[in-house]
C-alpha atoms as a PDB file:
ATOM      1  CA  MET A   1       0.000   0.000   0.000  1.00  0.00           C
ATOM      2  CA  ALA A   2       1.450   3.336  -1.034  1.00  0.00           C
ATOM      3  CA  ILE A   3       1.608   6.487   1.048  1.00  0.00           C
ATOM      4  CA  THR A   4      -1.884   7.933   1.072  1.00  0.00           C
ATOM      5  CA  ASP A   5      -2.626  11.137  -0.743  1.00  0.00           C
ATOM      6  CA  ALA A   6      -4.023  12.475   2.517  1.00  0.00           C
ATOM      7  CA  LYS A   7      -0.597  12.167   4.147  1.00  0.00           C
ATOM      8  CA  LYS A   8       1.088  13.857   1.211  1.00  0.00           C
ATOM      9  CA  VAL A   9      -1.404  16.695   1.245  1.00  0.00           C
ATOM     10  CA  ASP A  10      -0.959  17.046   5.004  1.00  0.00           C
ATOM     11  CA  TYR A  11       2.803  17.412   4.501  1.00  0.00           C
ATOM     12  CA  LEU A  12       2.398  20.052   1.811  1.00  0.00           C
ATOM     13  CA  TRP A  13      -0.211  21.900   3.865  1.00  0.00           C
ATOM     14  CA  LYS A  14       2.095  22.065   6.871  1.00  0.00           C
ATOM     15  CA  LYS A  15       5.226  22.771   4.836  1.00  0.00           C
ATOM     16  CA  ILE A  16       3.880  25.438   2.511  1.00  0.00           C
ATOM     17  CA  GLY A  17       1.038  26.867   4.535  1.00  0.00           C
ATOM     18  CA  TYR A  18       2.749  26.981   7.934  1.00  0.00           C
ATOM     19  CA  GLY A  19       6.479  26.535   7.248  1.00  0.00           C
ATOM     20  CA  VAL A  20       6.752  23.605   9.685  1.00  0.00           C
ATOM     21  CA  ALA A  21       7.776  19.961   9.452  1.00  0.00           C
ATOM     22  CA  LYS A  22       5.144  17.219   9.490  1.00  0.00           C
ATOM     23  CA  THR A  23       5.680  15.037  12.564  1.00  0.00           C
ATOM     24  CA  ASP A  24       2.308  13.299  12.896  1.00  0.00           C
ATOM     25  CA  THR A  25      -0.928  12.642  11.065  1.00  0.00           C
ATOM     26  CA  ASN A  26      -3.415  15.430  10.605  1.00  0.00           C
ATOM     27  CA  ALA A  27      -5.814  13.607  12.913  1.00  0.00           C
ATOM     28  CA  ASN A  28      -3.281  13.514  15.732  1.00  0.00           C
ATOM     29  CA  LYS A  29      -1.555  16.892  15.204  1.00  0.00           C
ATOM     30  CA  LYS A  30      -3.064  19.762  13.263  1.00  0.00           C
ATOM     31  CA  ALA A  31      -0.812  22.133  11.339  1.00  0.00           C
ATOM     32  CA  PRO A  32      -1.030  24.968  13.926  1.00  0.00           C
ATOM     33  CA  ASN A  33       0.215  22.485  16.541  1.00  0.00           C
ATOM     34  CA  GLU A  34       3.365  21.493  14.644  1.00  0.00           C
ATOM     35  CA  SER A  35       6.349  23.310  16.166  1.00  0.00           C
ATOM     36  CA  ILE A  36       9.485  22.414  14.206  1.00  0.00           C
ATOM     37  CA  ALA A  37      10.318  25.184  11.722  1.00  0.00           C
ATOM     38  CA  SER A  38      10.882  24.088   8.130  1.00  0.00           C
ATOM     39  CA  PRO A  39      10.877  27.202   5.913  1.00  0.00           C
ATOM     40  CA  LEU A  40      11.160  26.988   2.175  1.00  0.00           C
ATOM     41  CA  LEU A  41      14.448  28.265   0.718  1.00  0.00           C
ATOM     42  CA  LEU A  42      12.858  31.595  -0.101  1.00  0.00           C
ATOM     43  CA  ASN A  43      13.694  33.593   3.006  1.00  0.00           C
ATOM     44  CA  GLY A  44      16.609  35.889   2.116  1.00  0.00           C
ATOM     45  CA  ALA A  45      18.259  35.246   5.485  1.00  0.00           C
ATOM     46  CA  ASN A  46      18.334  31.500   4.699  1.00  0.00           C
ATOM     47  CA  THR A  47      19.636  31.759   1.140  1.00  0.00           C
ATOM     48  CA  TRP A  48      22.568  29.422   0.535  1.00  0.00           C
ATOM     49  CA  ASN A  49      24.795  31.922  -1.249  1.00  0.00           C
ATOM     50  CA  ARG A  50      27.669  29.447  -1.571  1.00  0.00           C
ATOM     51  CA  ALA A  51      25.477  26.715  -3.035  1.00  0.00           C
ATOM     52  CA  ASP A  52      27.580  26.843  -6.203  1.00  0.00           C
ATOM     53  CA  GLN A  53      30.438  25.359  -4.150  1.00  0.00           C
ATOM     54  CA  ILE A  54      28.501  22.202  -3.224  1.00  0.00           C
ATOM     55  CA  PRO A  55      30.142  19.293  -5.098  1.00  0.00           C
ATOM     56  CA  ALA A  56      27.970  17.179  -7.384  1.00  0.00           C
ATOM     57  CA  VAL A  57      28.913  14.113  -5.321  1.00  0.00           C
ATOM     58  CA  LEU A  58      28.803  13.991  -1.522  1.00  0.00           C
ATOM     59  CA  PRO A  59      32.440  14.275  -0.336  1.00  0.00           C
ATOM     60  CA  GLY A  60      33.946  11.535   1.794  1.00  0.00           C
ATOM     61  CA  SER A  61      34.697  14.019   4.574  1.00  0.00           C
ATOM     62  CA  THR A  62      33.887  17.594   5.544  1.00  0.00           C
ATOM     63  CA  THR A  63      35.198  20.095   3.001  1.00  0.00           C
ATOM     64  CA  GLY A  64      34.378  23.633   1.938  1.00  0.00           C
ATOM     65  CA  VAL A  65      30.738  24.466   2.563  1.00  0.00           C
ATOM     66  CA  VAL A  66      29.698  20.845   3.151  1.00  0.00           C
ATOM     67  CA  THR A  67      29.804  19.211   6.581  1.00  0.00           C
ATOM     68  CA  VAL A  68      29.679  15.453   6.142  1.00  0.00           C
ATOM     69  CA  TYR A  69      28.191  12.860   8.490  1.00  0.00           C
ATOM     70  CA  PRO A  70      29.587   9.650   6.981  1.00  0.00           C
ATOM     71  CA  THR A  71      28.242   6.170   7.561  1.00  0.00           C
ATOM     72  CA  SER A  72      31.211   5.558   9.865  1.00  0.00           C
ATOM     73  CA  THR A  73      30.026   8.334  12.210  1.00  0.00           C
ATOM     74  CA  PRO A  74      26.422   9.282  11.413  1.00  0.00           C
ATOM     75  CA  THR A  75      24.609  11.755  13.614  1.00  0.00           C
ATOM     76  CA  GLU A  76      22.319  10.325  16.275  1.00  0.00           C
ATOM     77  CA  ALA A  77      18.773  11.681  16.220  1.00  0.00           C
ATOM     78  CA  VAL A  78      16.488  12.051  19.221  1.00  0.00           C
ATOM     79  CA  VAL A  79      12.887  10.949  19.304  1.00  0.00           C
ATOM     80  CA  ASP A  80      10.165  13.594  19.159  1.00  0.00           C
ATOM     81  CA  ASN A  81       8.016  12.842  22.170  1.00  0.00           C
ATOM     82  CA  THR A  82       5.294  15.240  21.082  1.00  0.00           C
ATOM     83  CA  THR A  83       3.862  12.688  18.638  1.00  0.00           C
ATOM     84  CA  VAL A  84       0.958  10.477  19.610  1.00  0.00           C
ATOM     85  CA  GLU A  85       2.643   7.331  18.368  1.00  0.00           C
ATOM     86  CA  ALA A  86       6.047   6.591  19.910  1.00  0.00           C
ATOM     87  CA  ASN A  87       9.099   6.589  17.620  1.00  0.00           C
ATOM     88  CA  ARG A  88       7.145   8.107  14.738  1.00  0.00           C
ATOM     89  CA  THR A  89       9.429  11.171  14.363  1.00  0.00           C
ATOM     90  CA  TRP A  90      13.140  11.706  15.047  1.00  0.00           C
ATOM     91  CA  LYS A  91      15.033  15.018  15.196  1.00  0.00           C
ATOM     92  CA  THR A  92      18.697  15.564  14.305  1.00  0.00           C
ATOM     93  CA  ASN A  93      18.522  19.123  15.708  1.00  0.00           C
ATOM     94  CA  LEU A  94      20.658  20.074  12.709  1.00  0.00           C
ATOM     95  CA  ILE A  95      19.277  22.122   9.837  1.00  0.00           C
ATOM     96  CA  ASP A  96      20.204  22.662   6.174  1.00  0.00           C
ATOM     97  CA  TRP A  97      20.805  19.088   5.065  1.00  0.00           C
ATOM     98  CA  ILE A  98      21.649  19.030   1.376  1.00  0.00           C
ATOM     99  CA  PRO A  99      18.804  17.392  -0.569  1.00  0.00           C
ATOM    100  CA  PRO A 100      19.143  14.969  -3.487  1.00  0.00           C
ATOM    101  CA  GLU A 101      18.411  17.782  -5.962  1.00  0.00           C
ATOM    102  CA  PHE A 102      22.174  18.516  -5.693  1.00  0.00           C
ATOM    103  CA  GLY A 103      22.971  14.898  -6.587  1.00  0.00           C
ATOM    104  CA  SER A 104      21.611  11.467  -5.756  1.00  0.00           C
ATOM    105  CA  THR A 105      24.443  10.734  -3.301  1.00  0.00           C
ATOM    106  CA  TYR A 106      23.074  13.411  -0.970  1.00  0.00           C
ATOM    107  CA  GLN A 107      20.013  11.302  -0.135  1.00  0.00           C
ATOM    108  CA  VAL A 108      20.449  10.500   3.526  1.00  0.00           C
ATOM    109  CA  LYS A 109      20.998   6.960   4.776  1.00  0.00           C
ATOM    110  CA  VAL A 110      19.005   5.915   7.834  1.00  0.00           C
ATOM    111  CA  TYR A 111      19.971   3.293  10.397  1.00  0.00           C
ATOM    112  CA  ILE A 112      18.296   2.054  13.566  1.00  0.00           C
ATOM    113  CA  HIS A 113      20.795   0.908  16.147  1.00  0.00           C
ATOM    114  CA  THR A 114      21.697   0.880  19.830  1.00  0.00           C
ATOM    115  CA  SER A 115      21.693   4.361  21.334  1.00  0.00           C
ATOM    116  CA  SER A 116      25.037   6.132  21.797  1.00  0.00           C
ATOM    117  CA  ASP A 117      26.871   3.826  19.393  1.00  0.00           C
ATOM    118  CA  ALA A 118      27.147   5.828  16.182  1.00  0.00           C
ATOM    119  CA  ALA A 119      30.394   4.138  15.108  1.00  0.00           C
ATOM    120  CA  ASN A 120      28.602   0.811  14.663  1.00  0.00           C
ATOM    121  CA  ALA A 121      25.246   2.049  13.401  1.00  0.00           C
ATOM    122  CA  ALA A 122      25.931   1.260   9.736  1.00  0.00           C
ATOM    123  CA  SER A 123      27.802  -1.992  10.276  1.00  0.00           C
ATOM    124  CA  SER A 124      25.639  -3.509  13.020  1.00  0.00           C
ATOM    125  CA  GLY A 125      22.353  -1.615  12.861  1.00  0.00           C
ATOM    126  CA  THR A 126      19.319  -2.004  10.621  1.00  0.00           C
ATOM    127  CA  GLN A 127      19.215   0.201   7.552  1.00  0.00           C
ATOM    128  CA  VAL A 128      15.720   1.348   6.623  1.00  0.00           C
ATOM    129  CA  PHE A 129      14.839   2.766   3.241  1.00  0.00           C
ATOM    130  CA  ALA A 130      12.642   5.629   2.098  1.00  0.00           C
ATOM    131  CA  THR A 131      10.507   3.225   0.084  1.00  0.00           C
ATOM    132  CA  GLY A 132       9.965   0.963   3.080  1.00  0.00           C
ATOM    133  CA  SER A 133      10.041  -2.806   3.258  1.00  0.00           C
ATOM    134  CA  GLY A 134       6.654  -3.454   1.676  1.00  0.00           C
ATOM    135  CA  ASN A 135       4.773  -3.074   4.950  1.00  0.00           C
ATOM    136  CA  ASN A 136       3.671   0.578   4.572  1.00  0.00           C
ATOM    137  CA  ASP A 137       6.704   1.631   6.623  1.00  0.00           C
ATOM    138  CA  GLU A 138       8.157   4.342   4.381  1.00  0.00           C
ATOM    139  CA  TRP A 139       9.991   7.303   5.851  1.00  0.00           C
ATOM    140  CA  PHE A 140      10.361  10.917   4.755  1.00  0.00           C
ATOM    141  CA  PHE A 141      13.297  13.160   5.664  1.00  0.00           C
ATOM    142  CA  ASP A 142      12.764  16.914   5.858  1.00  0.00           C
ATOM    143  CA  TYR A 143      16.172  18.154   4.709  1.00  0.00           C
ATOM    144  CA  GLN A 144      15.690  21.730   5.849  1.00  0.00           C
ATOM    145  CA  ALA A 145      14.483  20.899   9.331  1.00  0.00           C
ATOM    146  CA  GLY A 146      16.629  17.772   9.777  1.00  0.00           C
ATOM    147  CA  VAL A 147      13.580  15.726  10.819  1.00  0.00           C
ATOM    148  CA  LEU A 148      12.923  12.084   9.930  1.00  0.00           C
ATOM    149  CA  HIS A 149       9.259  11.081   9.919  1.00  0.00           C
ATOM    150  CA  PHE A 150       7.963   7.566   9.354  1.00  0.00           C
ATOM    151  CA  ILE A 151       5.261   8.709   6.996  1.00  0.00           C
ATOM    152  CA  GLY A 152       3.840   5.259   6.170  1.00  0.00           C
ATOM    153  CA  SER A 153       1.005   3.682   8.080  1.00  0.00           C
ATOM    154  CA  ASN A 154       3.417   1.553  10.094  1.00  0.00           C
ATOM    155  CA  LEU A 155       6.811   1.855  11.758  1.00  0.00           C
ATOM    156  CA  PRO A 156       9.681  -0.139  10.183  1.00  0.00           C
ATOM    157  CA  ASN A 157       8.741  -3.778   9.947  1.00  0.00           C
ATOM    158  CA  GLY A 158      10.353  -6.051  12.521  1.00  0.00           C
ATOM    159  CA  VAL A 159      12.294  -3.275  14.304  1.00  0.00           C
ATOM    160  CA  ASP A 160      12.192  -3.041  18.083  1.00  0.00           C
ATOM    161  CA  PHE A 161      13.006   0.554  19.115  1.00  0.00           C
ATOM    162  CA  THR A 162      13.720  -0.341  22.731  1.00  0.00           C
ATOM    163  CA  GLY A 163      17.137   1.128  23.601  1.00  0.00           C
ATOM    164  CA  LYS A 164      17.590   2.171  19.995  1.00  0.00           C
ATOM    165  CA  SER A 165      18.086   5.449  18.146  1.00  0.00           C
ATOM    166  CA  VAL A 166      17.792   6.569  14.556  1.00  0.00           C
ATOM    167  CA  TYR A 167      21.089   7.541  12.915  1.00  0.00           C
ATOM    168  CA  ILE A 168      21.390   9.785   9.850  1.00  0.00           C
ATOM    169  CA  ALA A 169      24.295   9.833   7.367  1.00  0.00           C
ATOM    170  CA  GLY A 170      24.503  12.587   4.779  1.00  0.00           C
ATOM    171  CA  GLY A 171      25.756  16.134   4.266  1.00  0.00           C
ATOM    172  CA  ARG A 172      24.758  19.588   5.474  1.00  0.00           C
ATOM    173  CA  TYR A 173      25.318  23.004   3.945  1.00  0.00           C
ATOM    174  CA  THR A 174      27.389  24.999   6.446  1.00  0.00           C
ATOM    175  CA  GLY A 175      28.500  27.883   4.239  1.00  0.00           C
ATOM    176  CA  THR A 176      27.411  31.500   4.628  1.00  0.00           C
ATOM    177  CA  LYS A 177      23.764  32.424   4.254  1.00  0.00           C
ATOM    178  CA  GLY A 178      21.863  35.611   3.514  1.00  0.00           C
ATOM    179  CA  LEU A 179      21.400  37.916   0.563  1.00  0.00           C
ATOM    180  CA  GLN A 180      23.871  40.433   2.007  1.00  0.00           C
ATOM    181  CA  ASN A 181      26.630  37.887   1.297  1.00  0.00           C
ATOM    182  CA  ILE A 182      26.575  37.767  -2.497  1.00  0.00           C
ATOM    183  CA  THR A 183      27.772  34.597  -4.224  1.00  0.00           C
ATOM    184  CA  SER A 184      31.499  34.059  -4.484  1.00  0.00           C
ATOM    185  CA  SER A 185      31.372  34.170  -8.271  1.00  0.00           C
ATOM    186  CA  ASN A 186      30.504  37.866  -8.019  1.00  0.00           C
ATOM    187  CA  THR A 187      32.750  38.888  -5.122  1.00  0.00           C
ATOM    188  CA  GLY A 188      35.937  36.842  -5.446  1.00  0.00           C
ATOM    189  CA  ASN A 189      37.343  36.264  -1.963  1.00  0.00           C
ATOM    190  CA  PHE A 190      35.154  38.852  -0.216  1.00  0.00           C
ATOM    191  CA  GLU A 191      32.196  38.497   2.099  1.00  0.00           C
ATOM    192  CA  PHE A 192      29.829  41.315   3.000  1.00  0.00           C
ATOM    193  CA  SER A 193      27.826  41.602   6.198  1.00  0.00           C
ATOM    194  CA  GLY A 194      26.007  44.876   6.685  1.00  0.00           C
ATOM    195  CA  SER A 195      28.662  47.572   6.311  1.00  0.00           C
ATOM    196  CA  THR A 196      31.570  45.161   6.890  1.00  0.00           C
ATOM    197  CA  MET A 197      33.673  43.664   4.076  1.00  0.00           C
ATOM    198  CA  ASN A 198      35.898  40.694   4.937  1.00  0.00           C
ATOM    199  CA  GLN A 199      38.678  39.117   2.879  1.00  0.00           C
ATOM    200  CA  THR A 200      38.307  35.334   3.182  1.00  0.00           C
ATOM    201  CA  VAL A 201      41.836  34.164   2.271  1.00  0.00           C
ATOM    202  CA  THR A 202      44.241  34.156   5.224  1.00  0.00           C
ATOM    203  CA  ASP A 203      47.167  36.628   4.937  1.00  0.00           C
ATOM    204  CA  ALA A 204      46.225  37.646   1.377  1.00  0.00           C
ATOM    205  CA  ASP A 205      46.529  41.299   0.294  1.00  0.00           C
ATOM    206  CA  VAL A 206      43.461  43.392  -0.501  1.00  0.00           C
ATOM    207  CA  THR A 207      44.080  45.326  -3.724  1.00  0.00           C
ATOM    208  CA  PHE A 208      42.093  48.315  -4.956  1.00  0.00           C
ATOM    209  CA  ASP A 209      42.718  49.363  -8.536  1.00  0.00           C
ATOM    210  CA  THR A 210      41.296  51.921 -10.945  1.00  0.00           C
ATOM    211  CA  ALA A 211      41.176  52.137 -14.696  1.00  0.00           C
ATOM    212  CA  GLY A 212      43.501  54.630 -16.313  1.00  0.00           C
ATOM    213  CA  SER A 213      44.367  57.675 -14.206  1.00  0.00           C
ATOM    214  CA  GLY A 214      41.391  57.453 -11.866  1.00  0.00           C
ATOM    215  CA  SER A 215      42.089  58.297  -8.229  1.00  0.00           C
ATOM    216  CA  PHE A 216      40.745  56.965  -4.940  1.00  0.00           C
ATOM    217  CA  THR A 217      38.383  59.468  -3.360  1.00  0.00           C
ATOM    218  CA  PHE A 218      36.787  59.291   0.087  1.00  0.00           C
ATOM    219  CA  SER A 219      33.675  61.432  -0.083  1.00  0.00           C
ATOM    220  CA  SER A 220      33.093  62.238   3.569  1.00  0.00           C
ATOM    221  CA  THR A 221      33.600  64.901   6.219  1.00  0.00           C
ATOM    222  CA  THR A 222      34.804  62.432   8.862  1.00  0.00           C
ATOM    223  CA  ALA A 223      38.158  60.626   8.806  1.00  0.00           C
ATOM    224  CA  VAL A 224      40.045  57.521   7.707  1.00  0.00           C
ATOM    225  CA  ASN A 225      41.154  55.030  10.356  1.00  0.00           C
ATOM    226  CA  LEU A 226      44.591  53.617   9.553  1.00  0.00           C
ATOM    227  CA  PRO A 227      45.674  50.119  10.557  1.00  0.00           C
ATOM    228  CA  SER A 228      46.854  50.180  14.174  1.00  0.00           C
ATOM    229  CA  GLY A 229      49.094  47.797  16.118  1.00  0.00           C
ATOM    230  CA  THR A 230      52.174  47.434  18.262  1.00  0.00           C
ATOM    231  CA  THR A 231      55.759  47.347  17.032  1.00  0.00           C
ATOM    232  CA  ALA A 232      55.707  43.539  17.254  1.00  0.00           C
ATOM    233  CA  GLU A 233      52.583  43.449  15.095  1.00  0.00           C
ATOM    234  CA  ARG A 234      54.153  45.312  12.195  1.00  0.00           C
ATOM    235  CA  PRO A 235      53.611  43.594   8.833  1.00  0.00           C
ATOM    236  CA  THR A 236      56.520  42.825   6.523  1.00  0.00           C
ATOM    237  CA  ALA A 237      57.570  46.255   5.282  1.00  0.00           C
ATOM    238  CA  THR A 238      56.702  47.331   1.758  1.00  0.00           C
ATOM    239  CA  ALA A 239      57.593  50.741   0.332  1.00  0.00           C
ATOM    240  CA  GLY A 240      54.679  53.131   0.842  1.00  0.00           C
ATOM    241  CA  MET A 241      53.150  51.438   3.881  1.00  0.00           C
ATOM    242  CA  LEU A 242      51.578  53.742   6.470  1.00  0.00           C
ATOM    243  CA  ARG A 243      50.265  52.672   9.883  1.00  0.00           C
ATOM    244  CA  PHE A 244      49.734  53.880  13.452  1.00  0.00           C
ATOM    245  CA  ASN A 245      51.939  52.343  16.131  1.00  0.00           C
ATOM    246  CA  SER A 246      49.674  51.903  19.154  1.00  0.00           C
ATOM    247  CA  GLU A 247      52.709  51.167  21.330  1.00  0.00           C
ATOM    248  CA  THR A 248      54.586  54.399  20.613  1.00  0.00           C
ATOM    249  CA  GLY A 249      51.545  56.503  19.814  1.00  0.00           C
ATOM    250  CA  LYS A 250      53.173  57.580  16.538  1.00  0.00           C
ATOM    251  CA  TYR A 251      52.460  57.237  12.829  1.00  0.00           C
ATOM    252  CA  GLU A 252      55.113  55.313  10.943  1.00  0.00           C
ATOM    253  CA  VAL A 253      55.917  54.759   7.300  1.00  0.00           C
ATOM    254  CA  SER A 254      58.124  52.439   5.282  1.00  0.00           C
ATOM    255  CA  GLU A 255      60.024  54.365   2.639  1.00  0.00           C
ATOM    256  CA  ASP A 256      62.675  51.821   1.705  1.00  0.00           C
ATOM    257  CA  GLY A 257      60.508  48.690   1.834  1.00  0.00           C
ATOM    258  CA  SER A 258      62.533  47.138   4.653  1.00  0.00           C
ATOM    259  CA  THR A 259      62.130  49.322   7.761  1.00  0.00           C
ATOM    260  CA  PHE A 260      59.560  51.609   9.383  1.00  0.00           C
ATOM    261  CA  THR A 261      60.357  55.249  10.237  1.00  0.00           C
ATOM    262  CA  THR A 262      58.392  57.269  12.762  1.00  0.00           C
ATOM    263  CA  LEU A 263      56.689  60.329  11.313  1.00  0.00           C
ATOM    264  CA  ARG A 264      57.153  63.559  13.236  1.00  0.00           C
ATOM    265  CA  THR A 265      53.828  65.210  14.035  1.00  0.00           C
ATOM    266  CA  GLY A 266      52.639  68.228  15.978  1.00  0.00           C
ATOM    267  CA  SER A 267      55.386  70.063  17.850  1.00  0.00           C
ATOM    268  CA  GLU A 268      57.924  67.481  16.710  1.00  0.00           C
ATOM    269  CA  ALA A 269      57.482  68.504  13.110  1.00  0.00           C
ATOM    270  CA  GLY A 270      57.182  72.242  13.573  1.00  0.00           C
ATOM    271  CA  ASP A 271      59.511  73.305  16.419  1.00  0.00           C
ATOM    272  CA  ILE A 272      63.212  73.749  15.695  1.00  0.00           C
ATOM    273  CA  THR A 273      65.070  74.136  19.005  1.00  0.00           C
ATOM    274  CA  LYS A 274      68.707  74.681  19.885  1.00  0.00           C
ATOM    275  CA  ASP A 275      71.273  74.108  22.580  1.00  0.00           C
ATOM    276  CA  ILE A 276      74.140  76.618  23.067  1.00  0.00           C
ATOM    277  CA  PHE A 277      77.507  75.808  24.586  1.00  0.00           C
ATOM    278  CA  THR A 278      80.812  77.663  25.080  1.00  0.00           C
ATOM    279  CA  GLY A 279      84.090  75.983  24.174  1.00  0.00           C
ATOM    280  CA  ASP A 280      86.891  75.721  26.764  1.00  0.00           C
ATOM    281  CA  GLY A 281      89.671  74.360  24.573  1.00  0.00           C
ATOM    282  CA  SER A 282      89.398  70.805  25.942  1.00  0.00           C
ATOM    283  CA  THR A 283      85.747  69.632  26.016  1.00  0.00           C
ATOM    284  CA  THR A 284      84.629  67.541  23.015  1.00  0.00           C
ATOM    285  CA  ASN A 285      81.370  66.064  24.376  1.00  0.00           C
ATOM    286  CA  PHE A 286      78.259  68.216  24.626  1.00  0.00           C
ATOM    287  CA  THR A 287      74.927  66.987  26.034  1.00  0.00           C
ATOM    288  CA  MET A 288      71.818  68.031  24.109  1.00  0.00           C
ATOM    289  CA  SER A 289      68.326  68.464  25.530  1.00  0.00           C
ATOM    290  CA  VAL A 290      66.959  65.885  23.038  1.00  0.00           C
ATOM    291  CA  SER A 291      67.968  62.507  21.618  1.00  0.00           C
ATOM    292  CA  PRO A 292      68.042  62.755  17.793  1.00  0.00           C
ATOM    293  CA  THR A 293      67.784  59.663  15.616  1.00  0.00           C
ATOM    294  CA  ASP A 294      71.073  60.307  13.799  1.00  0.00           C
ATOM    295  CA  GLU A 295      73.625  62.959  12.759  1.00  0.00           C
ATOM    296  CA  ASN A 296      71.488  64.065   9.828  1.00  0.00           C
ATOM    297  CA  THR A 297      68.665  65.345  12.041  1.00  0.00           C
ATOM    298  CA  ILE A 298      70.738  68.086  13.701  1.00  0.00           C
ATOM    299  CA  ILE A 299      72.876  71.021  12.528  1.00  0.00           C
ATOM    300  CA  VAL A 300      76.011  71.992  14.430  1.00  0.00           C
ATOM    301  CA  TYR A 301      77.666  75.448  14.204  1.00  0.00           C
ATOM    302  CA  ILE A 302      80.977  76.505  15.782  1.00  0.00           C
ATOM    303  CA  ASP A 303      81.457  80.247  15.657  1.00  0.00           C
ATOM    304  CA  GLY A 304      78.853  80.389  12.869  1.00  0.00           C
ATOM    305  CA  VAL A 305      80.560  77.747  10.727  1.00  0.00           C
ATOM    306  CA  MET A 306      78.327  74.749   9.932  1.00  0.00           C
ATOM    307  CA  GLN A 307      79.984  71.430  10.718  1.00  0.00           C
ATOM    308  CA  GLU A 308      79.767  68.345   8.516  1.00  0.00           C
ATOM    309  CA  PRO A 309      78.078  65.251  10.007  1.00  0.00           C
ATOM    310  CA  ASP A 310      80.380  62.280  10.697  1.00  0.00           C
ATOM    311  CA  THR A 311      83.416  64.312   9.544  1.00  0.00           C
ATOM    312  CA  ASN A 312      83.288  67.063  12.178  1.00  0.00           C
ATOM    313  CA  TYR A 313      80.964  65.489  14.731  1.00  0.00           C
ATOM    314  CA  THR A 314      79.124  62.305  15.714  1.00  0.00           C
ATOM    315  CA  ILE A 315      76.215  61.689  18.065  1.00  0.00           C
ATOM    316  CA  SER A 316      75.303  58.967  20.548  1.00  0.00           C
ATOM    317  CA  GLY A 317      71.993  59.374  22.325  1.00  0.00           C
ATOM    318  CA  THR A 318      71.973  62.948  23.623  1.00  0.00           C
ATOM    319  CA  THR A 319      75.742  63.449  23.285  1.00  0.00           C
ATOM    320  CA  VAL A 320      77.415  65.317  20.415  1.00  0.00           C
ATOM    321  CA  THR A 321      81.145  64.628  20.111  1.00  0.00           C
ATOM    322  CA  THR A 322      83.323  66.929  18.051  1.00  0.00           C
ATOM    323  CA  VAL A 323      85.919  65.160  15.935  1.00  0.00           C
ATOM    324  CA  GLY A 324      89.539  66.339  15.952  1.00  0.00           C
ATOM    325  CA  GLU A 325      90.556  69.314  18.100  1.00  0.00           C
ATOM    326  CA  ALA A 326      88.283  70.630  20.829  1.00  0.00           C
ATOM    327  CA  ALA A 327      86.628  73.980  20.185  1.00  0.00           C
ATOM    328  CA  HIS A 328      88.822  76.810  21.373  1.00  0.00           C
ATOM    329  CA  SER A 329      88.095  78.601  24.608  1.00  0.00           C
ATOM    330  CA  GLY A 330      85.195  81.011  24.204  1.00  0.00           C
ATOM    331  CA  ALA A 331      83.939  79.396  20.978  1.00  0.00           C
ATOM    332  CA  ARG A 332      80.168  79.631  20.481  1.00  0.00           C
ATOM    333  CA  ILE A 333      78.741  76.164  19.820  1.00  0.00           C
ATOM    334  CA  VAL A 334      75.113  76.016  18.596  1.00  0.00           C
ATOM    335  CA  ILE A 335      73.317  72.701  18.050  1.00  0.00           C
ATOM    336  CA  MET A 336      69.949  72.958  16.290  1.00  0.00           C
ATOM    337  CA  HIS A 337      67.531  70.007  16.330  1.00  0.00           C
ATOM    338  CA  GLY A 338      63.982  69.153  15.346  1.00  0.00           C
ATOM    339  CA  PHE A 339      64.663  68.422  11.690  1.00  0.00           C
ATOM    340  CA  ALA A 340      63.115  65.430   9.957  1.00  0.00           C
ATOM    341  CA  ASP A 341      65.296  62.611   8.707  1.00  0.00           C
END
């Protein structure tokens, strides 16, 4: 005896009219009393936008957007105790199972076996088939809700459910969902969620390019937030990189493609200061009020004559050391600093 048309109509009525899974006959549980959601794949929030990445054949193990529950470790379902007849409906509590419309190998396999023994369900349990055993014991699996319902008049022939569970082997779609995340064929390696754009390939660069001589324009009255991190979190330097060092509180740039240089801002960039000393004929070391980065960031004058870096003086920390003879007694020594590198 085939599945009655009344049962089929009841399924469609509950599925399409109420968006719920059929777990019992209409006589025992009316559509408004069904509680397991089973929406059609029409809700934008549930759209499988990576469906194009589902292989035509169920993979042997989890890969990409498909999570696999192989026959070696199927998922164990729990009985739905809200049905009038015991063991009529079983819930995986997992949604988005991939239906056979993606390929015949995605049709789930169903086993009845000792509870809490998934590893042996396929080898030692009883496999039951969607078409039944000829005793009106067909089953129907709701792929969206993850619910198995014995839709025939009878439960599987000759199966004692005492101490047993239903086990399901198949594959689920576990990729991103929602219309805001456009399919990968249109966005490359990017995902969009609200106003956030994410690059999906680990450590890959994000490249913006324009055609011809077009420029990049930010049309706003606010600001641009630069990448921020500590010195240890610096990326591998590339010429033209600009970032904010959260450890030093300074902006830094890579000009040579191998190192980062701190940018002078505020008073550092605009104030040229000086230290003045008087020679005594013997002193060669003079302590400045600052610590320049190198000889090229200061200018040294002795009696108005500019000295040459490295040739006439060197620096170490805050100390300027004149090279050769010490400045004569009464010499006016002026050290100007605050220049950029």
